[in-house]
Amino acid sequence: MRLSAWALLVLTLVALAGSVQTQQIQSSYVDLALPGNWQAASQIAAAHYGSDIYFDPGTGALVQISGQAAC
């Protein structure tokens, strides 16, 4: 695929993402604005120490956010 086609695809995805309502996720590691209705998945997060896990019941999507040790 040509570079211009990739650029068009990326710009289209950014435009679509911008038109969808987003929700702010404030994790221990980073703050994100993602489309969806995100809830903390504490029952899953307990099994993954060192990670924050969020669940969107509308889509069934999971987001896992974890920190990385600095070298």
N, C-alpha and C. Protein backbone atom coordinates (compact mmCIF):
# COMPACT_ATOMS: atom_id res chain seq x y z
N MET A 1 0.85 -1.18 0.00
CA MET A 1 0.00 0.00 0.00
C MET A 1 0.89 1.24 0.00
N ARG A 2 0.52 2.21 -0.76
CA ARG A 2 1.31 3.44 -0.86
C ARG A 2 1.19 4.26 0.42
N LEU A 3 2.15 5.13 0.61
CA LEU A 3 2.17 5.99 1.78
C LEU A 3 0.93 6.87 1.85
N SER A 4 0.49 7.39 0.71
CA SER A 4 -0.70 8.25 0.71
C SER A 4 -1.95 7.48 1.11
N ALA A 5 -2.04 6.22 0.74
CA ALA A 5 -3.18 5.40 1.14
C ALA A 5 -3.17 5.17 2.65
N TRP A 6 -1.97 4.91 3.20
CA TRP A 6 -1.85 4.74 4.66
C TRP A 6 -2.23 6.03 5.37
N ALA A 7 -1.77 7.15 4.87
CA ALA A 7 -2.09 8.44 5.49
C ALA A 7 -3.60 8.69 5.46
N LEU A 8 -4.24 8.37 4.36
CA LEU A 8 -5.69 8.52 4.25
C LEU A 8 -6.41 7.62 5.25
N LEU A 9 -5.94 6.39 5.38
CA LEU A 9 -6.54 5.45 6.34
C LEU A 9 -6.40 5.97 7.76
N VAL A 10 -5.22 6.43 8.13
CA VAL A 10 -4.98 6.95 9.48
C VAL A 10 -5.84 8.18 9.74
N LEU A 11 -5.91 9.10 8.79
CA LEU A 11 -6.74 10.29 8.97
C LEU A 11 -8.22 9.94 9.10
N THR A 12 -8.67 8.95 8.35
CA THR A 12 -10.06 8.50 8.45
C THR A 12 -10.35 7.92 9.83
N LEU A 13 -9.45 7.08 10.31
CA LEU A 13 -9.63 6.49 11.64
C LEU A 13 -9.61 7.56 12.73
N VAL A 14 -8.73 8.54 12.61
CA VAL A 14 -8.67 9.62 13.59
C VAL A 14 -9.97 10.43 13.57
N ALA A 15 -10.48 10.70 12.38
CA ALA A 15 -11.73 11.46 12.27
C ALA A 15 -12.90 10.68 12.87
N LEU A 16 -12.95 9.38 12.62
CA LEU A 16 -14.02 8.56 13.20
C LEU A 16 -13.89 8.48 14.71
N ALA A 17 -12.69 8.32 15.20
CA ALA A 17 -12.47 8.26 16.64
C ALA A 17 -12.84 9.58 17.30
N GLY A 18 -12.60 10.67 16.61
CA GLY A 18 -12.93 11.98 17.15
C GLY A 18 -14.42 12.23 17.22
N SER A 19 -15.19 11.55 16.38
CA SER A 19 -16.63 11.76 16.37
C SER A 19 -17.36 10.87 17.38
N VAL A 20 -16.68 9.87 17.91
CA VAL A 20 -17.26 8.97 18.89
C VAL A 20 -17.06 9.56 20.27
N GLN A 21 -18.06 9.41 21.14
CA GLN A 21 -17.95 9.94 22.49
C GLN A 21 -16.89 9.16 23.26
N THR A 22 -16.00 9.89 23.92
CA THR A 22 -14.91 9.25 24.65
C THR A 22 -15.13 9.37 26.15
N GLN A 23 -14.45 8.51 26.87
CA GLN A 23 -14.48 8.53 28.32
C GLN A 23 -13.05 8.56 28.81
N GLN A 24 -12.80 9.35 29.82
CA GLN A 24 -11.46 9.46 30.40
C GLN A 24 -11.21 8.28 31.33
N ILE A 25 -10.13 7.55 31.10
CA ILE A 25 -9.69 6.49 32.00
C ILE A 25 -8.50 7.03 32.77
N GLN A 26 -8.60 7.04 34.10
CA GLN A 26 -7.49 7.51 34.93
C GLN A 26 -6.92 6.31 35.66
N SER A 27 -5.86 5.77 35.10
CA SER A 27 -5.21 4.59 35.65
C SER A 27 -4.06 5.02 36.56
N SER A 28 -3.47 4.07 37.23
CA SER A 28 -2.31 4.34 38.08
C SER A 28 -1.10 4.73 37.25
N TYR A 29 -1.12 4.37 35.97
CA TYR A 29 0.06 4.53 35.13
C TYR A 29 -0.07 5.64 34.09
N VAL A 30 -1.29 5.86 33.56
CA VAL A 30 -1.49 6.84 32.50
C VAL A 30 -2.97 7.23 32.45
N ASP A 31 -3.25 8.43 31.97
CA ASP A 31 -4.63 8.86 31.73
C ASP A 31 -4.90 8.79 30.24
N LEU A 32 -6.01 8.16 29.87
CA LEU A 32 -6.36 7.99 28.46
C LEU A 32 -7.79 8.45 28.22
N ALA A 33 -8.06 8.94 27.03
CA ALA A 33 -9.42 9.22 26.59
C ALA A 33 -9.73 8.22 25.49
N LEU A 34 -10.62 7.28 25.78
CA LEU A 34 -10.96 6.23 24.83
C LEU A 34 -12.46 6.22 24.58
N PRO A 35 -12.88 5.90 23.35
CA PRO A 35 -14.31 5.77 23.09
C PRO A 35 -14.87 4.56 23.82
N GLY A 36 -16.05 4.70 24.36
CA GLY A 36 -16.70 3.59 25.05
C GLY A 36 -17.19 3.98 26.42
N ASN A 37 -17.68 2.98 27.15
CA ASN A 37 -18.19 3.14 28.51
C ASN A 37 -17.35 2.25 29.42
N TRP A 38 -16.18 2.71 29.80
CA TRP A 38 -15.20 1.88 30.50
C TRP A 38 -15.46 1.82 31.99
N GLN A 39 -15.30 0.61 32.54
CA GLN A 39 -15.45 0.35 33.97
C GLN A 39 -14.22 -0.40 34.44
N ALA A 40 -13.81 -0.14 35.68
CA ALA A 40 -12.69 -0.89 36.24
C ALA A 40 -13.11 -2.34 36.39
N ALA A 41 -12.27 -3.24 35.93
CA ALA A 41 -12.55 -4.68 36.01
C ALA A 41 -11.77 -5.25 37.19
N SER A 42 -12.21 -4.91 38.38
CA SER A 42 -11.45 -5.26 39.59
C SER A 42 -11.35 -6.77 39.81
N GLN A 43 -12.36 -7.55 39.41
CA GLN A 43 -12.28 -8.99 39.59
C GLN A 43 -11.22 -9.62 38.71
N ILE A 44 -10.96 -9.01 37.55
CA ILE A 44 -9.90 -9.51 36.67
C ILE A 44 -8.57 -8.93 37.09
N ALA A 45 -8.57 -7.67 37.50
CA ALA A 45 -7.33 -6.98 37.86
C ALA A 45 -6.65 -7.63 39.06
N ALA A 46 -7.42 -8.24 39.95
CA ALA A 46 -6.83 -8.89 41.11
C ALA A 46 -5.90 -10.02 40.70
N ALA A 47 -6.16 -10.63 39.55
CA ALA A 47 -5.33 -11.73 39.07
C ALA A 47 -4.08 -11.22 38.34
N HIS A 48 -4.04 -9.94 37.99
CA HIS A 48 -2.91 -9.37 37.26
C HIS A 48 -2.31 -8.24 38.08
N TYR A 49 -1.52 -8.60 39.09
CA TYR A 49 -0.91 -7.60 39.95
C TYR A 49 0.01 -6.69 39.13
N GLY A 50 -0.08 -5.40 39.37
CA GLY A 50 0.75 -4.45 38.64
C GLY A 50 0.10 -3.94 37.37
N SER A 51 -1.17 -4.24 37.18
CA SER A 51 -1.90 -3.78 35.98
C SER A 51 -3.24 -3.20 36.39
N ASP A 52 -3.70 -2.24 35.61
CA ASP A 52 -5.07 -1.75 35.72
C ASP A 52 -5.81 -2.27 34.51
N ILE A 53 -6.97 -2.86 34.74
CA ILE A 53 -7.75 -3.45 33.65
C ILE A 53 -9.13 -2.80 33.63
N TYR A 54 -9.57 -2.42 32.44
CA TYR A 54 -10.86 -1.78 32.25
C TYR A 54 -11.66 -2.57 31.22
N PHE A 55 -12.98 -2.57 31.40
CA PHE A 55 -13.91 -3.35 30.58
C PHE A 55 -14.97 -2.44 30.02
N ASP A 56 -15.28 -2.61 28.73
CA ASP A 56 -16.39 -1.89 28.09
C ASP A 56 -17.50 -2.90 27.82
N PRO A 57 -18.59 -2.87 28.61
CA PRO A 57 -19.65 -3.87 28.43
C PRO A 57 -20.38 -3.77 27.10
N GLY A 58 -20.35 -2.60 26.47
CA GLY A 58 -21.02 -2.44 25.18
C GLY A 58 -20.36 -3.22 24.06
N THR A 59 -19.04 -3.31 24.11
CA THR A 59 -18.31 -4.00 23.06
C THR A 59 -17.65 -5.29 23.54
N GLY A 60 -17.53 -5.46 24.85
CA GLY A 60 -16.84 -6.62 25.40
C GLY A 60 -15.33 -6.47 25.38
N ALA A 61 -14.85 -5.26 25.12
CA ALA A 61 -13.41 -5.02 25.01
C ALA A 61 -12.77 -4.88 26.39
N LEU A 62 -11.53 -5.36 26.49
CA LEU A 62 -10.72 -5.19 27.68
C LEU A 62 -9.49 -4.36 27.34
N VAL A 63 -9.11 -3.47 28.26
CA VAL A 63 -7.87 -2.72 28.12
C VAL A 63 -7.04 -2.99 29.37
N GLN A 64 -5.81 -3.44 29.16
CA GLN A 64 -4.89 -3.66 30.27
C GLN A 64 -3.79 -2.60 30.21
N ILE A 65 -3.61 -1.88 31.31
CA ILE A 65 -2.60 -0.84 31.38
C ILE A 65 -1.63 -1.22 32.49
N SER A 66 -0.36 -1.31 32.15
CA SER A 66 0.65 -1.64 33.15
C SER A 66 1.86 -0.74 32.97
N GLY A 67 2.61 -0.59 34.04
CA GLY A 67 3.80 0.25 33.99
C GLY A 67 4.99 -0.55 33.50
N GLN A 68 6.00 0.18 33.08
CA GLN A 68 7.25 -0.44 32.64
C GLN A 68 8.36 0.11 33.48
N ALA A 69 9.21 -0.76 33.99
CA ALA A 69 10.31 -0.33 34.82
C ALA A 69 11.30 0.47 33.99
N ALA A 70 11.77 1.57 34.58
CA ALA A 70 12.77 2.39 33.88
C ALA A 70 14.13 1.73 34.00
N CYS A 71 14.90 1.78 32.94
CA CYS A 71 16.23 1.16 32.93
C CYS A 71 17.28 2.12 33.43
